[in-house]
C-alpha atoms as a PDB file:
ATOM      1  CA  UNK A   1      37.816  -4.402  67.904  1.00  0.00           C
ATOM      2  CA  UNK A   2      39.470  -4.527  64.330  1.00  0.00           C
ATOM      3  CA  UNK A   3      36.729  -7.180  63.379  1.00  0.00           C
ATOM      4  CA  UNK A   4      34.096  -5.074  64.588  1.00  0.00           C
ATOM      5  CA  UNK A   5      35.594  -1.953  62.669  1.00  0.00           C
ATOM      6  CA  UNK A   6      35.761  -4.248  59.543  1.00  0.00           C
ATOM      7  CA  UNK A   7      32.106  -5.577  59.982  1.00  0.00           C
ATOM      8  CA  UNK A   8      30.927  -2.048  60.416  1.00  0.00           C
ATOM      9  CA  UNK A   9      32.859  -0.987  57.241  1.00  0.00           C
ATOM     10  CA  UNK A  10      31.327  -3.893  55.352  1.00  0.00           C
ATOM     11  CA  UNK A  11      27.693  -2.974  56.569  1.00  0.00           C
ATOM     12  CA  UNK A  12      28.243   0.422  55.509  1.00  0.00           C
ATOM     13  CA  UNK A  13      29.392  -0.445  52.022  1.00  0.00           C
ATOM     14  CA  UNK A  14      26.479  -3.055  51.742  1.00  0.00           C
ATOM     15  CA  UNK A  15      23.982  -0.492  52.476  1.00  0.00           C
ATOM     16  CA  UNK A  16      25.561   2.196  50.145  1.00  0.00           C
ATOM     17  CA  UNK A  17      25.315  -0.431  47.556  1.00  0.00           C
ATOM     18  CA  UNK A  18      21.629  -1.000  48.209  1.00  0.00           C
ATOM     19  CA  UNK A  19      21.161   2.598  48.229  1.00  0.00           C
ATOM     20  CA  UNK A  20      23.003   3.035  44.779  1.00  0.00           C
ATOM     21  CA  UNK A  21      20.863   0.065  43.438  1.00  0.00           C
ATOM     22  CA  UNK A  22      17.558   1.705  44.687  1.00  0.00           C
ATOM     23  CA  UNK A  23      18.495   5.130  43.234  1.00  0.00           C
ATOM     24  CA  UNK A  24      19.092   3.480  39.827  1.00  0.00           C
ATOM     25  CA  UNK A  25      15.374   2.651  39.370  1.00  0.00           C
ATOM     26  CA  UNK A  26      13.525   5.439  38.385  1.00  0.00           C
ATOM     27  CA  UNK A  27       9.916   6.298  37.401  1.00  0.00           C
ATOM     28  CA  UNK A  28       9.251   5.613  33.519  1.00  0.00           C
ATOM     29  CA  UNK A  29       5.553   5.470  32.904  1.00  0.00           C
ATOM     30  CA  UNK A  30       2.373   6.566  34.423  1.00  0.00           C
ATOM     31  CA  UNK A  31      -0.735   4.356  33.969  1.00  0.00           C
ATOM     32  CA  UNK A  32      -3.513   6.780  32.357  1.00  0.00           C
ATOM     33  CA  UNK A  33      -6.068   4.189  31.109  1.00  0.00           C
ATOM     34  CA  UNK A  34      -6.919   0.421  31.819  1.00  0.00           C
ATOM     35  CA  UNK A  35      -9.505  -1.854  30.326  1.00  0.00           C
ATOM     36  CA  UNK A  36      -9.588  -5.285  31.539  1.00  0.00           C
ATOM     37  CA  UNK A  37      -7.269  -7.012  34.326  1.00  0.00           C
ATOM     38  CA  UNK A  38      -3.922  -5.993  34.245  1.00  0.00           C
ATOM     39  CA  UNK A  39      -1.244  -7.038  36.934  1.00  0.00           C
ATOM     40  CA  UNK A  40       2.398  -6.076  37.727  1.00  0.00           C
ATOM     41  CA  UNK A  41       5.272  -7.030  39.908  1.00  0.00           C
ATOM     42  CA  UNK A  42       8.901  -6.706  40.608  1.00  0.00           C
ATOM     43  CA  UNK A  43      11.415  -9.008  38.855  1.00  0.00           C
ATOM     44  CA  UNK A  44      12.179 -12.006  41.292  1.00  0.00           C
ATOM     45  CA  UNK A  45       9.071 -11.538  43.097  1.00  0.00           C
ATOM     46  CA  UNK A  46       6.193 -13.926  42.922  1.00  0.00           C
ATOM     47  CA  UNK A  47       3.420 -11.695  44.136  1.00  0.00           C
ATOM     48  CA  UNK A  48       1.467 -10.022  41.494  1.00  0.00           C
ATOM     49  CA  UNK A  49      -0.400  -6.871  42.328  1.00  0.00           C
ATOM     50  CA  UNK A  50      -3.265  -5.155  40.316  1.00  0.00           C
ATOM     51  CA  UNK A  51      -2.567  -2.311  38.270  1.00  0.00           C
ATOM     52  CA  UNK A  52      -4.392   0.902  38.595  1.00  0.00           C
ATOM     53  CA  UNK A  53      -4.914   4.499  37.131  1.00  0.00           C
ATOM     54  CA  UNK A  54      -1.987   6.599  38.271  1.00  0.00           C
ATOM     55  CA  UNK A  55       0.256   3.892  39.299  1.00  0.00           C
ATOM     56  CA  UNK A  56       3.879   4.468  38.359  1.00  0.00           C
ATOM     57  CA  UNK A  57       6.122   1.948  36.527  1.00  0.00           C
ATOM     58  CA  UNK A  58       9.931   1.497  36.564  1.00  0.00           C
ATOM     59  CA  UNK A  59      12.587  -0.462  34.914  1.00  0.00           C
ATOM     60  CA  UNK A  60      12.441  -3.079  37.594  1.00  0.00           C
ATOM     61  CA  UNK A  61       8.496  -3.908  36.726  1.00  0.00           C
ATOM     62  CA  UNK A  62       6.929  -6.682  34.783  1.00  0.00           C
ATOM     63  CA  UNK A  63       3.454  -6.145  33.360  1.00  0.00           C
ATOM     64  CA  UNK A  64       0.873  -9.053  32.632  1.00  0.00           C
ATOM     65  CA  UNK A  65      -2.204  -8.261  30.260  1.00  0.00           C
ATOM     66  CA  UNK A  66      -4.815 -10.581  30.410  1.00  0.00           C
ATOM     67  CA  UNK A  67      -6.982 -11.712  27.462  1.00  0.00           C
ATOM     68  CA  UNK A  68      -8.827  -8.719  25.689  1.00  0.00           C
ATOM     69  CA  UNK A  69      -7.256  -5.887  28.232  1.00  0.00           C
ATOM     70  CA  UNK A  70      -5.886  -2.512  27.231  1.00  0.00           C
ATOM     71  CA  UNK A  71      -3.061  -0.450  28.820  1.00  0.00           C
ATOM     72  CA  UNK A  72      -2.120   3.005  28.191  1.00  0.00           C
ATOM     73  CA  UNK A  73       1.057   4.599  29.223  1.00  0.00           C
ATOM     74  CA  UNK A  74       2.650   7.777  29.326  1.00  0.00           C
ATOM     75  CA  UNK A  75       6.522   8.127  29.628  1.00  0.00           C
ATOM     76  CA  UNK A  76       8.298  10.434  31.633  1.00  0.00           C
ATOM     77  CA  UNK A  77       9.632  12.261  28.499  1.00  0.00           C
ATOM     78  CA  UNK A  78       6.053  12.548  27.429  1.00  0.00           C
ATOM     79  CA  UNK A  79       5.585   9.719  24.813  1.00  0.00           C
ATOM     80  CA  UNK A  80       2.578   7.716  24.808  1.00  0.00           C
ATOM     81  CA  UNK A  81       2.299   3.880  24.759  1.00  0.00           C
ATOM     82  CA  UNK A  82      -0.754   1.529  24.093  1.00  0.00           C
ATOM     83  CA  UNK A  83      -0.479  -2.369  24.930  1.00  0.00           C
ATOM     84  CA  UNK A  84      -3.149  -4.784  24.217  1.00  0.00           C
ATOM     85  CA  UNK A  85      -1.582  -8.189  23.676  1.00  0.00           C
ATOM     86  CA  UNK A  86      -2.149 -10.910  26.015  1.00  0.00           C
ATOM     87  CA  UNK A  87       1.260 -11.456  27.218  1.00  0.00           C
ATOM     88  CA  UNK A  88       4.111 -10.281  29.730  1.00  0.00           C
ATOM     89  CA  UNK A  89       6.045  -7.092  29.220  1.00  0.00           C
ATOM     90  CA  UNK A  90       9.108  -5.928  30.905  1.00  0.00           C
ATOM     91  CA  UNK A  91       8.945  -2.291  31.421  1.00  0.00           C
ATOM     92  CA  UNK A  92      12.890  -1.925  30.672  1.00  0.00           C
ATOM     93  CA  UNK A  93      12.069  -3.063  27.295  1.00  0.00           C
ATOM     94  CA  UNK A  94       9.361  -0.966  26.775  1.00  0.00           C
ATOM     95  CA  UNK A  95      11.776   1.882  27.429  1.00  0.00           C
ATOM     96  CA  UNK A  96      14.285   0.932  25.109  1.00  0.00           C
ATOM     97  CA  UNK A  97      11.722   0.602  22.277  1.00  0.00           C
ATOM     98  CA  UNK A  98      11.184   4.425  22.559  1.00  0.00           C
ATOM     99  CA  UNK A  99      13.899   7.135  22.916  1.00  0.00           C
ATOM    100  CA  UNK A 100      12.104  10.117  21.121  1.00  0.00           C
ATOM    101  CA  UNK A 101      11.720  13.288  23.408  1.00  0.00           C
ATOM    102  CA  UNK A 102       8.239  14.638  22.973  1.00  0.00           C
ATOM    103  CA  UNK A 103       6.611  17.900  24.300  1.00  0.00           C
ATOM    104  CA  UNK A 104       6.685  18.583  28.041  1.00  0.00           C
ATOM    105  CA  UNK A 105       3.123  19.655  27.574  1.00  0.00           C
ATOM    106  CA  UNK A 106       2.078  16.090  27.529  1.00  0.00           C
ATOM    107  CA  UNK A 107       3.482  15.385  30.825  1.00  0.00           C
ATOM    108  CA  UNK A 108       1.478  18.489  32.125  1.00  0.00           C
ATOM    109  CA  UNK A 109      -1.700  17.243  30.693  1.00  0.00           C
ATOM    110  CA  UNK A 110      -1.211  13.885  31.885  1.00  0.00           C
ATOM    111  CA  UNK A 111      -1.244  15.078  35.588  1.00  0.00           C
ATOM    112  CA  UNK A 112      -4.474  17.081  34.909  1.00  0.00           C
ATOM    113  CA  UNK A 113      -6.377  14.026  33.589  1.00  0.00           C
ATOM    114  CA  UNK A 114      -5.202  11.854  36.571  1.00  0.00           C
ATOM    115  CA  UNK A 115      -6.335  14.848  38.618  1.00  0.00           C
ATOM    116  CA  UNK A 116      -9.566  14.702  37.057  1.00  0.00           C
ATOM    117  CA  UNK A 117      -9.922  10.979  37.250  1.00  0.00           C
ATOM    118  CA  UNK A 118      -9.304  11.080  40.823  1.00  0.00           C
ATOM    119  CA  UNK A 119     -11.867  14.006  41.604  1.00  0.00           C
ATOM    120  CA  UNK A 120     -14.369  11.901  39.349  1.00  0.00           C
ATOM    121  CA  UNK A 121     -13.906   8.629  41.040  1.00  0.00           C
ATOM    122  CA  UNK A 122     -16.088   7.452  43.498  1.00  0.00           C
ATOM    123  CA  UNK A 123     -19.301   9.262  42.030  1.00  0.00           C
ATOM    124  CA  UNK A 124     -22.276   7.231  42.303  1.00  0.00           C
ATOM    125  CA  UNK A 125     -21.985   4.290  39.976  1.00  0.00           C
ATOM    126  CA  UNK A 126     -24.367   2.144  41.424  1.00  0.00           C
ATOM    127  CA  UNK A 127     -26.359   2.389  37.982  1.00  0.00           C
ATOM    128  CA  UNK A 128     -23.085   1.146  36.337  1.00  0.00           C
ATOM    129  CA  UNK A 129     -22.401  -1.708  38.663  1.00  0.00           C
ATOM    130  CA  UNK A 130     -25.659  -3.291  37.174  1.00  0.00           C
ATOM    131  CA  UNK A 131     -24.539  -2.894  33.564  1.00  0.00           C
ATOM    132  CA  UNK A 132     -23.140  -6.217  32.146  1.00  0.00           C
ATOM    133  CA  UNK A 133     -21.666  -5.029  28.772  1.00  0.00           C
ATOM    134  CA  UNK A 134     -19.981  -2.212  26.942  1.00  0.00           C
ATOM    135  CA  UNK A 135     -23.041  -2.313  24.829  1.00  0.00           C
ATOM    136  CA  UNK A 136     -25.157  -1.037  27.846  1.00  0.00           C
ATOM    137  CA  UNK A 137     -23.008   1.818  28.701  1.00  0.00           C
ATOM    138  CA  UNK A 138     -23.109   3.021  25.141  1.00  0.00           C
ATOM    139  CA  UNK A 139     -26.785   2.813  24.839  1.00  0.00           C
ATOM    140  CA  UNK A 140     -26.848   5.005  28.180  1.00  0.00           C
ATOM    141  CA  UNK A 141     -24.211   7.658  26.671  1.00  0.00           C
ATOM    142  CA  UNK A 142     -25.580   7.838  23.109  1.00  0.00           C
ATOM    143  CA  UNK A 143     -27.950  10.849  23.749  1.00  0.00           C
ATOM    144  CA  UNK A 144     -25.606  12.676  26.162  1.00  0.00           C
ATOM    145  CA  UNK A 145     -24.812  16.154  24.909  1.00  0.00           C
ATOM    146  CA  UNK A 146     -23.984  19.340  26.419  1.00  0.00           C
ATOM    147  CA  UNK A 147     -27.443  20.954  26.571  1.00  0.00           C
ATOM    148  CA  UNK A 148     -27.560  20.820  30.245  1.00  0.00           C
ATOM    149  CA  UNK A 149     -24.242  22.515  30.857  1.00  0.00           C
ATOM    150  CA  UNK A 150     -24.401  24.794  33.729  1.00  0.00           C
ATOM    151  CA  UNK A 151     -20.564  25.943  33.271  1.00  0.00           C
ATOM    152  CA  UNK A 152     -19.483  28.022  30.321  1.00  0.00           C
ATOM    153  CA  UNK A 153     -17.361  26.946  27.551  1.00  0.00           C
ATOM    154  CA  UNK A 154     -14.300  29.112  26.258  1.00  0.00           C
ATOM    155  CA  UNK A 155     -13.853  28.980  22.515  1.00  0.00           C
ATOM    156  CA  UNK A 156     -10.610  30.226  20.748  1.00  0.00           C
ATOM    157  CA  UNK A 157     -12.088  31.261  17.807  1.00  0.00           C
ATOM    158  CA  UNK A 158     -14.785  33.075  16.532  1.00  0.00           C
ATOM    159  CA  UNK A 159     -15.795  30.652  13.893  1.00  0.00           C
ATOM    160  CA  UNK A 160     -17.780  27.906  15.829  1.00  0.00           C
ATOM    161  CA  UNK A 161     -19.707  24.936  14.475  1.00  0.00           C
ATOM    162  CA  UNK A 162     -22.544  24.502  17.051  1.00  0.00           C
ATOM    163  CA  UNK A 163     -23.982  20.991  17.126  1.00  0.00           C
ATOM    164  CA  UNK A 164     -26.716  19.253  19.059  1.00  0.00           C
ATOM    165  CA  UNK A 165     -28.899  15.848  18.954  1.00  0.00           C
ATOM    166  CA  UNK A 166     -31.800  16.920  16.408  1.00  0.00           C
ATOM    167  CA  UNK A 167     -33.369  13.237  16.929  1.00  0.00           C
ATOM    168  CA  UNK A 168     -36.948  12.998  15.317  1.00  0.00           C
ATOM    169  CA  UNK A 169     -37.139  17.043  15.140  1.00  0.00           C
ATOM    170  CA  UNK A 170     -37.266  18.654  11.619  1.00  0.00           C
ATOM    171  CA  UNK A 171     -37.086  22.191  12.290  1.00  0.00           C
ATOM    172  CA  UNK A 172     -34.652  23.627  14.981  1.00  0.00           C
ATOM    173  CA  UNK A 173     -34.871  27.122  16.407  1.00  0.00           C
ATOM    174  CA  UNK A 174     -31.097  27.754  16.868  1.00  0.00           C
ATOM    175  CA  UNK A 175     -30.516  31.368  18.807  1.00  0.00           C
ATOM    176  CA  UNK A 176     -27.614  33.190  20.078  1.00  0.00           C
ATOM    177  CA  UNK A 177     -28.194  36.074  22.701  1.00  0.00           C
ATOM    178  CA  UNK A 178     -26.370  38.097  25.431  1.00  0.00           C
ATOM    179  CA  UNK A 179     -27.263  38.293  29.213  1.00  0.00           C
ATOM    180  CA  UNK A 180     -29.693  40.779  28.613  1.00  0.00           C
ATOM    181  CA  UNK A 181     -31.422  38.861  26.152  1.00  0.00           C
ATOM    182  CA  UNK A 182     -30.702  40.826  23.224  1.00  0.00           C
ATOM    183  CA  UNK A 183     -30.886  38.519  20.290  1.00  0.00           C
ATOM    184  CA  UNK A 184     -27.719  38.135  17.958  1.00  0.00           C
ATOM    185  CA  UNK A 185     -28.940  35.426  15.604  1.00  0.00           C
ATOM    186  CA  UNK A 186     -32.323  33.677  15.412  1.00  0.00           C
ATOM    187  CA  UNK A 187     -32.314  30.980  12.707  1.00  0.00           C
ATOM    188  CA  UNK A 188     -34.655  27.887  11.671  1.00  0.00           C
ATOM    189  CA  UNK A 189     -32.573  25.115  10.465  1.00  0.00           C
ATOM    190  CA  UNK A 190     -33.450  21.519   9.575  1.00  0.00           C
ATOM    191  CA  UNK A 191     -29.682  19.869  10.553  1.00  0.00           C
ATOM    192  CA  UNK A 192     -27.686  19.085  13.641  1.00  0.00           C
ATOM    193  CA  UNK A 193     -25.450  21.689  13.325  1.00  0.00           C
ATOM    194  CA  UNK A 194     -24.556  25.357  12.212  1.00  0.00           C
ATOM    195  CA  UNK A 195     -21.496  27.134  11.288  1.00  0.00           C
ATOM    196  CA  UNK A 196     -21.458  30.606  12.880  1.00  0.00           C
ATOM    197  CA  UNK A 197     -18.870  33.280  12.343  1.00  0.00           C
ATOM    198  CA  UNK A 198     -19.309  35.059  15.689  1.00  0.00           C
ATOM    199  CA  UNK A 199     -17.368  38.018  14.598  1.00  0.00           C
ATOM    200  CA  UNK A 200     -19.927  39.181  11.975  1.00  0.00           C
ATOM    201  CA  UNK A 201     -22.450  38.993  14.988  1.00  0.00           C
ATOM    202  CA  UNK A 202     -20.146  41.568  16.928  1.00  0.00           C
ATOM    203  CA  UNK A 203     -19.683  39.515  19.949  1.00  0.00           C
ATOM    204  CA  UNK A 204     -17.271  40.968  22.567  1.00  0.00           C
ATOM    205  CA  UNK A 205     -14.210  39.109  24.046  1.00  0.00           C
ATOM    206  CA  UNK A 206     -14.425  37.675  27.708  1.00  0.00           C
ATOM    207  CA  UNK A 207     -18.256  38.481  27.662  1.00  0.00           C
ATOM    208  CA  UNK A 208     -20.873  35.835  28.674  1.00  0.00           C
ATOM    209  CA  UNK A 209     -23.371  34.803  25.533  1.00  0.00           C
ATOM    210  CA  UNK A 210     -25.820  32.226  25.235  1.00  0.00           C
ATOM    211  CA  UNK A 211     -26.970  29.789  22.698  1.00  0.00           C
ATOM    212  CA  UNK A 212     -30.130  27.723  22.499  1.00  0.00           C
ATOM    213  CA  UNK A 213     -31.817  25.182  20.354  1.00  0.00           C
ATOM    214  CA  UNK A 214     -35.848  24.620  20.594  1.00  0.00           C
ATOM    215  CA  UNK A 215     -37.850  22.088  18.329  1.00  0.00           C
ATOM    216  CA  UNK A 216     -40.305  24.049  16.422  1.00  0.00           C
ATOM    217  CA  UNK A 217     -42.609  20.767  15.270  1.00  0.00           C
ATOM    218  CA  UNK A 218     -43.850  17.547  17.140  1.00  0.00           C
ATOM    219  CA  UNK A 219     -40.669  15.864  16.600  1.00  0.00           C
ATOM    220  CA  UNK A 220     -38.659  15.370  19.848  1.00  0.00           C
ATOM    221  CA  UNK A 221     -35.441  17.266  20.554  1.00  0.00           C
ATOM    222  CA  UNK A 222     -33.647  18.784  23.584  1.00  0.00           C
ATOM    223  CA  UNK A 223     -35.020  22.338  24.244  1.00  0.00           C
ATOM    224  CA  UNK A 224     -31.841  23.785  26.393  1.00  0.00           C
ATOM    225  CA  UNK A 225     -29.440  26.662  26.850  1.00  0.00           C
ATOM    226  CA  UNK A 226     -25.803  26.698  27.466  1.00  0.00           C
ATOM    227  CA  UNK A 227     -23.098  29.349  27.872  1.00  0.00           C
ATOM    228  CA  UNK A 228     -19.909  30.173  26.095  1.00  0.00           C
ATOM    229  CA  UNK A 229     -17.675  33.158  25.735  1.00  0.00           C
ATOM    230  CA  UNK A 230     -14.766  34.154  23.393  1.00  0.00           C
ATOM    231  CA  UNK A 231     -11.510  34.579  25.016  1.00  0.00           C
ATOM    232  CA  UNK A 232      -9.196  37.555  24.288  1.00  0.00           C
ATOM    233  CA  UNK A 233      -6.994  37.266  21.153  1.00  0.00           C
ATOM    234  CA  UNK A 234      -3.722  37.406  23.172  1.00  0.00           C
ATOM    235  CA  UNK A 235      -4.630  34.025  25.189  1.00  0.00           C
ATOM    236  CA  UNK A 236      -6.254  32.608  22.312  1.00  0.00           C
ATOM    237  CA  UNK A 237      -3.003  33.025  20.206  1.00  0.00           C
ATOM    238  CA  UNK A 238      -1.158  31.482  23.147  1.00  0.00           C
ATOM    239  CA  UNK A 239      -3.468  28.394  23.545  1.00  0.00           C
ATOM    240  CA  UNK A 240      -3.410  28.108  19.823  1.00  0.00           C
ATOM    241  CA  UNK A 241       0.434  27.851  19.755  1.00  0.00           C
ATOM    242  CA  UNK A 242       0.383  25.564  22.699  1.00  0.00           C
ATOM    243  CA  UNK A 243      -2.109  23.487  20.787  1.00  0.00           C
ATOM    244  CA  UNK A 244      -0.042  23.303  17.613  1.00  0.00           C
ATOM    245  CA  UNK A 245       2.960  22.134  19.405  1.00  0.00           C
ATOM    246  CA  UNK A 246       1.046  19.533  21.328  1.00  0.00           C
ATOM    247  CA  UNK A 247      -0.701  17.946  18.221  1.00  0.00           C
ATOM    248  CA  UNK A 248       2.541  17.485  16.448  1.00  0.00           C
ATOM    249  CA  UNK A 249       2.992  14.665  18.776  1.00  0.00           C
ATOM    250  CA  UNK A 250      -0.179  13.077  18.896  1.00  0.00           C
ATOM    251  CA  UNK A 251      -1.495  10.443  16.706  1.00  0.00           C
ATOM    252  CA  UNK A 252      -5.136  11.527  15.653  1.00  0.00           C
ATOM    253  CA  UNK A 253      -6.379   7.816  15.563  1.00  0.00           C
ATOM    254  CA  UNK A 254      -4.984   6.906  19.106  1.00  0.00           C
ATOM    255  CA  UNK A 255      -7.492   6.710  21.656  1.00  0.00           C
ATOM    256  CA  UNK A 256      -4.802   7.663  24.276  1.00  0.00           C
ATOM    257  CA  UNK A 257      -3.511  10.499  22.372  1.00  0.00           C
ATOM    258  CA  UNK A 258      -7.113  11.717  21.821  1.00  0.00           C
ATOM    259  CA  UNK A 259      -7.395  11.563  25.547  1.00  0.00           C
ATOM    260  CA  UNK A 260      -4.148  13.683  25.932  1.00  0.00           C
ATOM    261  CA  UNK A 261      -5.917  16.137  23.486  1.00  0.00           C
ATOM    262  CA  UNK A 262      -9.221  16.218  25.640  1.00  0.00           C
ATOM    263  CA  UNK A 263      -7.353  16.842  28.807  1.00  0.00           C
ATOM    264  CA  UNK A 264      -5.650  19.863  27.136  1.00  0.00           C
ATOM    265  CA  UNK A 265      -8.866  21.019  26.113  1.00  0.00           C
ATOM    266  CA  UNK A 266     -10.291  20.661  29.622  1.00  0.00           C
ATOM    267  CA  UNK A 267      -7.039  22.276  31.099  1.00  0.00           C
ATOM    268  CA  UNK A 268      -8.001  25.400  29.161  1.00  0.00           C
ATOM    269  CA  UNK A 269     -11.638  25.206  30.054  1.00  0.00           C
ATOM    270  CA  UNK A 270     -12.433  24.465  26.309  1.00  0.00           C
ATOM    271  CA  UNK A 271     -15.080  22.160  27.322  1.00  0.00           C
ATOM    272  CA  UNK A 272     -16.896  22.029  24.117  1.00  0.00           C
ATOM    273  CA  UNK A 273     -14.010  20.784  22.277  1.00  0.00           C
ATOM    274  CA  UNK A 274     -13.041  18.543  25.158  1.00  0.00           C
ATOM    275  CA  UNK A 275     -16.631  17.183  24.849  1.00  0.00           C
ATOM    276  CA  UNK A 276     -16.381  16.590  21.073  1.00  0.00           C
ATOM    277  CA  UNK A 277     -12.865  14.814  21.491  1.00  0.00           C
ATOM    278  CA  UNK A 278     -13.989  12.456  24.036  1.00  0.00           C
ATOM    279  CA  UNK A 279     -17.040  11.593  21.634  1.00  0.00           C
ATOM    280  CA  UNK A 280     -14.190  10.776  18.859  1.00  0.00           C
ATOM    281  CA  UNK A 281     -12.511   8.436  21.269  1.00  0.00           C
ATOM    282  CA  UNK A 282     -15.586   6.467  21.757  1.00  0.00           C
ATOM    283  CA  UNK A 283     -15.834   5.974  17.999  1.00  0.00           C
ATOM    284  CA  UNK A 284     -12.145   5.193  17.793  1.00  0.00           C
ATOM    285  CA  UNK A 285     -12.372   2.554  20.491  1.00  0.00           C
ATOM    286  CA  UNK A 286     -15.876   1.035  20.917  1.00  0.00           C
ATOM    287  CA  UNK A 287     -14.784  -1.947  22.641  1.00  0.00           C
ATOM    288  CA  UNK A 288     -12.623  -0.220  25.446  1.00  0.00           C
ATOM    289  CA  UNK A 289     -15.092   0.681  28.060  1.00  0.00           C
ATOM    290  CA  UNK A 290     -12.626   2.611  29.854  1.00  0.00           C
ATOM    291  CA  UNK A 291     -13.012   5.591  27.433  1.00  0.00           C
ATOM    292  CA  UNK A 292     -16.831   5.258  27.636  1.00  0.00           C
ATOM    293  CA  UNK A 293     -16.687   5.511  31.565  1.00  0.00           C
ATOM    294  CA  UNK A 294     -14.282   8.311  31.564  1.00  0.00           C
ATOM    295  CA  UNK A 295     -16.449  10.345  29.205  1.00  0.00           C
ATOM    296  CA  UNK A 296     -19.429   9.964  31.437  1.00  0.00           C
ATOM    297  CA  UNK A 297     -17.422  10.596  34.506  1.00  0.00           C
ATOM    298  CA  UNK A 298     -16.052  13.739  33.010  1.00  0.00           C
ATOM    299  CA  UNK A 299     -19.749  14.757  31.471  1.00  0.00           C
ATOM    300  CA  UNK A 300     -21.295  14.319  35.105  1.00  0.00           C
ATOM    301  CA  UNK A 301     -18.548  16.314  36.775  1.00  0.00           C
ATOM    302  CA  UNK A 302     -19.520  19.309  34.620  1.00  0.00           C
ATOM    303  CA  UNK A 303     -23.326  19.189  34.829  1.00  0.00           C
ATOM    304  CA  UNK A 304     -23.184  18.461  38.647  1.00  0.00           C
END
C-alpha cells in the first residue's frame, strides 16, 4: 500500500513538472511574411515542419531558412523582425536580441493582416501557378490601379494627392463631383497626379463623392471613376494620433513595417493609402514575391 502511495505521489510530481515545463514555453512570434522555403522544429526533435503564414513560434523552436528565403516576424510585444540569411535560428536567441516594448497597435494590426490573408488565401490563383518568375508577377501588376474600385476609400485630410496611370495619354480630364453629378472640379492636366485641397471645393464630411479621369486624346489611359469620403474631424484626429504613435515604431525602409502600415490603413478603410503603401513595398522588396502576391490578393479582394 505504501509503495502504491509513493508511486502515485511520484507520478503526480512528474505530471506537475511536465505541466510546469509546458507552461514556461510561451508564444513569442507570429509569422507574418514568408518567401521561399522555411522549416521549423522543436529542440531535440528530428522532424522538420514547413512554416506557414500565421504560425506561432515559441522559445522551444528552431527555424531553418533556405537560400534566398525571407521571413517576417512580429513579436508579442509588437516589434518586428526580418530574417533572410541561409542558416538556423533559435527563437530563444531572437527574443534575447530584442527587449524594447513597442506599441500595442502593431499587435492589433498584425491580426487584421492575418485575417486579410486568411480571407484572400484560396482565391482563384490558377494563372499564378503558371508563372515561373517574380518578373512575370511584376509585369502582371505594373498597370494595376484603383480605377476599378467599387468600394469607397476614406480620407483623413482635405488635402489629397490623386494619382493615376497616364500611360501614353497627353491630356487627362480630371473631375470631382457629387452624387447628383454636380461638378466641383473639372480640369485638364498633362500629368499622372494632381494635388487638391478639398476644403476649397466645400466638400462635406461623411458624404460620398466621386473622382474620375478621362483621356482627351488618342493616347491610352484608364477612363474610370471611383469613390471617396472625407471622414469627420473628430475621427480624423483620432486616426492621425494613432498613426503618429504607430509610425514612431516603424522603419520606413522595412518591407515588413510598411506591411504593418498598410494594414493600419486597411483597418481604418483608408484604402487609397493602403494601396500606395503596398506599391511602395514592391519597390522596397522587388525580389520578395510574397509582397507582390499579397498586393495582388489585397487588390482583388477590393475589386471583387
